[in-house]
Each structure stands twice: as structure tokens, then as C-alpha cells.
C-alpha atoms as a PDB file:
ATOM      1  CA  MET A   1     108.974  46.508  46.694  1.00  0.00           C
ATOM      2  CA  PRO A   2     110.856  45.102  43.692  1.00  0.00           C
ATOM      3  CA  ARG A   3     108.620  43.867  40.973  1.00  0.00           C
ATOM      4  CA  LEU A   4     109.010  41.860  37.803  1.00  0.00           C
ATOM      5  CA  ALA A   5     109.460  43.961  34.624  1.00  0.00           C
ATOM      6  CA  ALA A   6     106.564  42.029  33.064  1.00  0.00           C
ATOM      7  CA  GLU A   7     104.123  43.321  35.701  1.00  0.00           C
ATOM      8  CA  HIS A   8     101.785  46.105  34.825  1.00  0.00           C
ATOM      9  CA  HIS A   9     101.511  49.262  36.910  1.00  0.00           C
ATOM     10  CA  ASP A  10      97.941  48.495  37.372  1.00  0.00           C
ATOM     11  CA  ASP A  11      98.755  45.218  39.094  1.00  0.00           C
ATOM     12  CA  ALA A  12     100.268  46.929  42.126  1.00  0.00           C
ATOM     13  CA  LEU A  13      98.303  47.487  45.280  1.00  0.00           C
ATOM     14  CA  PRO A  14      98.634  51.071  46.628  1.00  0.00           C
ATOM     15  CA  MET A  15      99.920  51.090  50.186  1.00  0.00           C
ATOM     16  CA  GLU A  16     100.556  54.110  52.380  1.00  0.00           C
ATOM     17  CA  GLU A  17     103.516  52.594  54.181  1.00  0.00           C
ATOM     18  CA  PRO A  18     107.040  52.693  52.897  1.00  0.00           C
ATOM     19  CA  SER A  19     108.480  49.479  51.307  1.00  0.00           C
ATOM     20  CA  GLU A  20     110.794  48.839  54.369  1.00  0.00           C
ATOM     21  CA  ILE A  21     107.648  48.692  56.671  1.00  0.00           C
ATOM     22  CA  ILE A  22     105.808  46.436  54.338  1.00  0.00           C
ATOM     23  CA  LYS A  23     108.804  44.141  53.936  1.00  0.00           C
ATOM     24  CA  THR A  24     109.403  43.992  57.640  1.00  0.00           C
ATOM     25  CA  LEU A  25     105.726  43.173  58.228  1.00  0.00           C
ATOM     26  CA  LEU A  26     105.898  40.349  55.686  1.00  0.00           C
ATOM     27  CA  ASP A  27     109.198  39.123  57.076  1.00  0.00           C
ATOM     28  CA  ILE A  28     107.613  38.760  60.568  1.00  0.00           C
ATOM     29  CA  ILE A  29     104.358  37.158  59.429  1.00  0.00           C
ATOM     30  CA  TYR A  30     105.925  34.862  56.911  1.00  0.00           C
ATOM     31  CA  PRO A  31     109.285  34.054  58.522  1.00  0.00           C
ATOM     32  CA  ARG A  32     111.891  32.140  56.670  1.00  0.00           C
ATOM     33  CA  ALA A  33     114.488  29.719  58.166  1.00  0.00           C
ATOM     34  CA  THR A  34     115.896  32.536  60.351  1.00  0.00           C
ATOM     35  CA  ASP A  35     114.207  34.936  62.704  1.00  0.00           C
ATOM     36  CA  PRO A  36     113.238  38.231  61.088  1.00  0.00           C
ATOM     37  CA  VAL A  37     115.506  41.131  61.774  1.00  0.00           C
ATOM     38  CA  LEU A  38     114.292  44.695  62.088  1.00  0.00           C
ATOM     39  CA  PRO A  39     116.261  46.754  59.442  1.00  0.00           C
ATOM     40  CA  PHE A  40     116.145  49.793  61.896  1.00  0.00           C
ATOM     41  CA  VAL A  41     115.678  49.864  65.606  1.00  0.00           C
ATOM     42  CA  SER A  42     114.872  53.506  65.739  1.00  0.00           C
ATOM     43  CA  PHE A  43     111.949  54.608  67.766  1.00  0.00           C
ATOM     44  CA  ALA A  44     110.297  56.202  64.686  1.00  0.00           C
ATOM     45  CA  PHE A  45     110.666  53.041  62.617  1.00  0.00           C
ATOM     46  CA  VAL A  46     109.349  50.711  65.242  1.00  0.00           C
ATOM     47  CA  ARG A  47     106.420  52.946  66.036  1.00  0.00           C
ATOM     48  CA  ARG A  48     105.465  53.103  62.313  1.00  0.00           C
ATOM     49  CA  LEU A  49     105.911  49.373  62.055  1.00  0.00           C
ATOM     50  CA  LEU A  50     103.561  48.746  64.996  1.00  0.00           C
ATOM     51  CA  ARG A  51     100.927  51.318  63.614  1.00  0.00           C
ATOM     52  CA  ALA A  52     100.959  49.466  60.280  1.00  0.00           C
ATOM     53  CA  ALA A  53     100.659  46.120  62.133  1.00  0.00           C
ATOM     54  CA  GLU A  54      97.660  47.631  64.048  1.00  0.00           C
ATOM     55  CA  LYS A  55      96.137  48.990  60.773  1.00  0.00           C
ATOM     56  CA  TYR A  56      96.319  45.583  59.139  1.00  0.00           C
ATOM     57  CA  ASP A  57      95.399  43.657  62.269  1.00  0.00           C
ATOM     58  CA  LEU A  58      98.702  41.661  62.389  1.00  0.00           C
ATOM     59  CA  GLU A  59      98.877  40.696  66.069  1.00  0.00           C
ATOM     60  CA  ARG A  60     101.892  38.519  65.400  1.00  0.00           C
ATOM     61  CA  VAL A  61     103.868  41.661  64.537  1.00  0.00           C
ATOM     62  CA  HIS A  62     102.941  43.203  67.955  1.00  0.00           C
ATOM     63  CA  HIS A  63     103.898  40.014  69.800  1.00  0.00           C
ATOM     64  CA  TYR A  64     107.228  39.698  67.996  1.00  0.00           C
ATOM     65  CA  VAL A  65     108.170  43.358  68.576  1.00  0.00           C
ATOM     66  CA  ARG A  66     107.170  43.180  72.119  1.00  0.00           C
ATOM     67  CA  LEU A  67     109.480  40.285  72.637  1.00  0.00           C
ATOM     68  CA  LEU A  68     112.281  42.089  70.855  1.00  0.00           C
ATOM     69  CA  THR A  69     111.928  44.971  73.224  1.00  0.00           C
ATOM     70  CA  LEU A  70     113.206  42.575  75.946  1.00  0.00           C
ATOM     71  CA  THR A  71     116.614  42.251  74.041  1.00  0.00           C
ATOM     72  CA  ARG A  72     119.447  44.423  72.944  1.00  0.00           C
ATOM     73  CA  PRO A  73     119.537  47.172  71.723  1.00  0.00           C
ATOM     74  CA  PHE A  74     116.178  47.957  73.234  1.00  0.00           C
ATOM     75  CA  LEU A  75     117.388  47.304  76.788  1.00  0.00           C
ATOM     76  CA  SER A  76     119.456  50.580  76.556  1.00  0.00           C
ATOM     77  CA  LYS A  77     116.357  52.509  75.428  1.00  0.00           C
ATOM     78  CA  PRO A  78     113.876  52.278  78.317  1.00  0.00           C
ATOM     79  CA  LEU A  79     112.062  55.542  77.583  1.00  0.00           C
ATOM     80  CA  GLU A  80     111.401  54.484  73.987  1.00  0.00           C
ATOM     81  CA  VAL A  81     110.139  51.146  75.138  1.00  0.00           C
ATOM     82  CA  TYR A  82     107.907  52.732  77.684  1.00  0.00           C
ATOM     83  CA  SER A  83     106.498  54.965  75.087  1.00  0.00           C
ATOM     84  CA  LEU A  84     105.781  52.015  72.745  1.00  0.00           C
ATOM     85  CA  ALA A  85     104.335  50.026  75.606  1.00  0.00           C
ATOM     86  CA  CYS A  86     101.876  52.893  76.394  1.00  0.00           C
ATOM     87  CA  MET A  87     101.022  53.541  72.790  1.00  0.00           C
ATOM     88  CA  PHE A  88     100.131  49.936  72.006  1.00  0.00           C
ATOM     89  CA  GLY A  89      98.463  48.902  75.274  1.00  0.00           C
ATOM     90  CA  TRP A  90     101.236  46.844  76.970  1.00  0.00           C
ATOM     91  CA  ALA A  91     100.311  48.001  80.382  1.00  0.00           C
ATOM     92  CA  GLU A  92     102.340  45.466  82.429  1.00  0.00           C
ATOM     93  CA  ASP A  93     105.408  46.234  80.343  1.00  0.00           C
ATOM     94  CA  ALA A  94     104.947  49.977  80.687  1.00  0.00           C
ATOM     95  CA  HIS A  95     104.798  49.679  84.478  1.00  0.00           C
ATOM     96  CA  ARG A  96     107.878  47.504  84.687  1.00  0.00           C
ATOM     97  CA  ILE A  97     109.932  49.699  82.216  1.00  0.00           C
ATOM     98  CA  SER A  98     108.861  52.880  84.006  1.00  0.00           C
ATOM     99  CA  PHE A  99     111.281  51.958  86.842  1.00  0.00           C
ATOM    100  CA  GLN A 100     114.101  51.549  84.378  1.00  0.00           C
ATOM    101  CA  THR A 101     113.756  55.223  83.325  1.00  0.00           C
ATOM    102  CA  LEU A 102     114.599  56.574  86.845  1.00  0.00           C
ATOM    103  CA  ASN A 103     118.228  57.207  85.894  1.00  0.00           C
ATOM    104  CA  LEU A 104     117.250  59.367  82.901  1.00  0.00           C
ATOM    105  CA  ASP A 105     117.202  63.126  83.010  1.00  0.00           C
ATOM    106  CA  LEU A 106     113.725  63.729  81.524  1.00  0.00           C
ATOM    107  CA  SER A 107     114.435  67.479  81.283  1.00  0.00           C
ATOM    108  CA  SER A 108     117.091  66.734  78.736  1.00  0.00           C
ATOM    109  CA  PRO A 109     116.255  67.793  75.154  1.00  0.00           C
ATOM    110  CA  VAL A 110     117.551  64.345  74.090  1.00  0.00           C
ATOM    111  CA  HIS A 111     114.241  62.930  75.315  1.00  0.00           C
ATOM    112  CA  ALA A 112     111.923  65.586  74.045  1.00  0.00           C
ATOM    113  CA  ASP A 113     110.556  63.729  70.970  1.00  0.00           C
ATOM    114  CA  ILE A 114     109.851  60.618  72.939  1.00  0.00           C
ATOM    115  CA  LEU A 115     108.207  62.486  75.833  1.00  0.00           C
ATOM    116  CA  GLU A 116     106.057  64.494  73.254  1.00  0.00           C
ATOM    117  CA  SER A 117     104.871  61.235  71.809  1.00  0.00           C
ATOM    118  CA  LEU A 118     103.375  60.137  75.172  1.00  0.00           C
ATOM    119  CA  ASP A 119      99.766  60.919  76.030  1.00  0.00           C
ATOM    120  CA  SER A 120      99.239  62.953  79.085  1.00  0.00           C
ATOM    121  CA  ALA A 121      98.144  59.969  81.278  1.00  0.00           C
ATOM    122  CA  SER A 122     101.274  57.961  80.400  1.00  0.00           C
ATOM    123  CA  LEU A 123     103.522  60.918  81.086  1.00  0.00           C
ATOM    124  CA  TYR A 124     101.761  61.482  84.393  1.00  0.00           C
ATOM    125  CA  LYS A 125     102.362  57.840  85.440  1.00  0.00           C
ATOM    126  CA  LEU A 126     105.954  58.182  84.596  1.00  0.00           C
ATOM    127  CA  PHE A 127     106.268  61.198  86.837  1.00  0.00           C
ATOM    128  CA  GLN A 128     104.264  59.408  89.612  1.00  0.00           C
ATOM    129  CA  VAL A 129     106.791  56.610  89.701  1.00  0.00           C
ATOM    130  CA  ARG A 130     109.457  59.305  90.271  1.00  0.00           C
ATOM    131  CA  TRP A 131     107.503  61.090  92.864  1.00  0.00           C
ATOM    132  CA  ARG A 132     106.740  57.816  94.724  1.00  0.00           C
ATOM    133  CA  ILE A 133     110.382  56.800  94.811  1.00  0.00           C
ATOM    134  CA  LYS A 134     111.466  60.237  95.969  1.00  0.00           C
ATOM    135  CA  GLU A 135     108.933  60.197  98.731  1.00  0.00           C
ATOM    136  CA  GLU A 136     110.141  56.688  99.878  1.00  0.00           C
ATOM    137  CA  VAL A 137     113.765  57.608  99.816  1.00  0.00           C
ATOM    138  CA  THR A 138     113.254  60.888 101.733  1.00  0.00           C
ATOM    139  CA  GLU A 139     110.970  59.128 104.265  1.00  0.00           C
ATOM    140  CA  ALA A 140     113.767  56.495 104.830  1.00  0.00           C
ATOM    141  CA  MET A 141     116.423  59.162 105.214  1.00  0.00           C
ATOM    142  CA  GLU A 142     114.251  61.114 107.749  1.00  0.00           C
ATOM    143  CA  MET A 143     113.550  57.948 109.712  1.00  0.00           C
ATOM    144  CA  LEU A 144     117.293  56.953 109.799  1.00  0.00           C
ATOM    145  CA  LYS A 145     118.204  60.383 110.885  1.00  0.00           C
ATOM    146  CA  ARG A 146     115.629  60.455 113.734  1.00  0.00           C
ATOM    147  CA  ARG A 147     116.678  56.935 114.836  1.00  0.00           C
ATOM    148  CA  HIS A 148     120.357  57.884 114.923  1.00  0.00           C
ATOM    149  CA  GLU A 149     120.220  61.509 115.734  1.00  0.00           C
ATOM    150  CA  ASN A 150     123.423  61.853 117.535  1.00  0.00           C
ATOM    151  CA  GLU A 151     125.544  59.568 115.345  1.00  0.00           C
ATOM    152  CA  GLU A 152     127.775  60.401 112.364  1.00  0.00           C
ATOM    153  CA  TRP A 153     126.750  58.923 109.043  1.00  0.00           C
ATOM    154  CA  GLY A 154     128.951  57.109 106.660  1.00  0.00           C
ATOM    155  CA  CYS A 155     129.883  53.799 105.230  1.00  0.00           C
ATOM    156  CA  ASP A 156     132.130  50.985 106.525  1.00  0.00           C
ATOM    157  CA  CYS A 157     134.676  51.803 104.021  1.00  0.00           C
ATOM    158  CA  GLY A 158     136.970  54.017 106.024  1.00  0.00           C
ATOM    159  CA  SER A 159     136.639  57.565 107.424  1.00  0.00           C
ATOM    160  CA  ASN A 160     134.003  58.774 105.034  1.00  0.00           C
ATOM    161  CA  LEU A 161     131.556  60.011 107.728  1.00  0.00           C
ATOM    162  CA  LEU A 162     128.929  62.674 107.097  1.00  0.00           C
ATOM    163  CA  ASP A 163     128.205  65.371 109.675  1.00  0.00           C
ATOM    164  CA  ASP A 164     124.634  66.712 109.995  1.00  0.00           C
ATOM    165  CA  GLU A 165     125.252  69.517 107.589  1.00  0.00           C
ATOM    166  CA  GLU A 166     126.504  67.059 104.922  1.00  0.00           C
ATOM    167  CA  TRP A 167     123.626  64.680 105.602  1.00  0.00           C
ATOM    168  CA  ASP A 168     121.097  67.545 105.163  1.00  0.00           C
ATOM    169  CA  CYS A 169     122.874  68.485 101.847  1.00  0.00           C
ATOM    170  CA  LEU A 170     122.575  64.895 100.669  1.00  0.00           C
ATOM    171  CA  HIS A 171     118.954  64.833 101.692  1.00  0.00           C
ATOM    172  CA  ARG A 172     118.121  67.998  99.648  1.00  0.00           C
ATOM    173  CA  LEU A 173     120.032  66.677  96.786  1.00  0.00           C
ATOM    174  CA  ILE A 174     118.086  63.478  96.604  1.00  0.00           C
ATOM    175  CA  ARG A 175     114.812  65.394  97.084  1.00  0.00           C
ATOM    176  CA  GLY A 176     115.680  67.552  94.201  1.00  0.00           C
ATOM    177  CA  GLU A 177     117.086  64.811  91.948  1.00  0.00           C
ATOM    178  CA  PHE A 178     113.774  62.953  91.780  1.00  0.00           C
ATOM    179  CA  GLY A 179     111.730  66.013  91.359  1.00  0.00           C
END
């Protein structure tokens, strides 16, 4: 943090956190006329900010960041928000956000760092959501197929009908996609 030239080195309080983290903490707990803005919205920065807030018992920072995760650009980062929610005990948020991760390919290396930051219980819960959705979709498909066994499948948008072989292929694809 910038200091006056007249200050002595001995007057400084040693802090482990980088100056950007300390500045952001202070901006949040002592807001000015405008709402504080996070200088970075990267997963690493927000995680360090929340850990520092935890260390100094600054509940206001947790509350503020938790509200920020409901806005842009966090809306496009559901896996990161899920991880933060799990790390910092936002159980209701974690459950809600877990459904927003369904369209992500969790086997992609892009998500490796975030997945590695999760504890095993949180990672297991994330996969449970996928398994449960997969089970529900496949059960619905099997029920529909039994109910309409001798009919062709398709939409009301023209001649896009599926025969039994194509339906079975779609069924296998969905079973594999959520696996």
C-alpha cells in the first residue's frame, strides 16, 4: 500500500496478503460513495480474498462477494462459483449452482484447477447431480418408449422422425453424456 515518505519502516504492520487483497478488503468494509469493485474476478483472486476475509473475520466481505457471484461475470463461471460456495460454506448456493454446471465437460483440462480445489465430498456431490439427472432422463426415455412402442419418434416440426435404431442411439448418447 502506498505510504507517506515521512513514515518510518517500523510503523508498517506486516501482512501476508498482497496489497491488492488488503485494498479490496478495505474497500469492501469501508465503502465510499460507490460500490466497491473487485480489481480481478479470477477464481484465484476471489478465493484469496475470501480466505483473507475469513482470517480477519470480515463477514461483510463474504456477504458482498456472495452477492457478487449472482451477477456478471460470475454467471458465466458456474464451476468456479460452485467451488467457492463449497469452500466457504454456502451450501444452498452450492446446491443451486451445481445444476448450472451440467452443460460443462468436467473431463476437460480447462476445469482441472477448479476441480482439484474441491474437497472430495463436494466433488462427489457434483457428480451425484449428474448421475441423478442421467437416471431421470433415461427412465423417462424408457417409459416413453414402452408407452409408444410401435410409434415413430420425432418432433412436430416436419418429417424428422426417429426409427427404433435412431432412438436407441439417442438413448445411449444421453446415458453416456451424463456419465
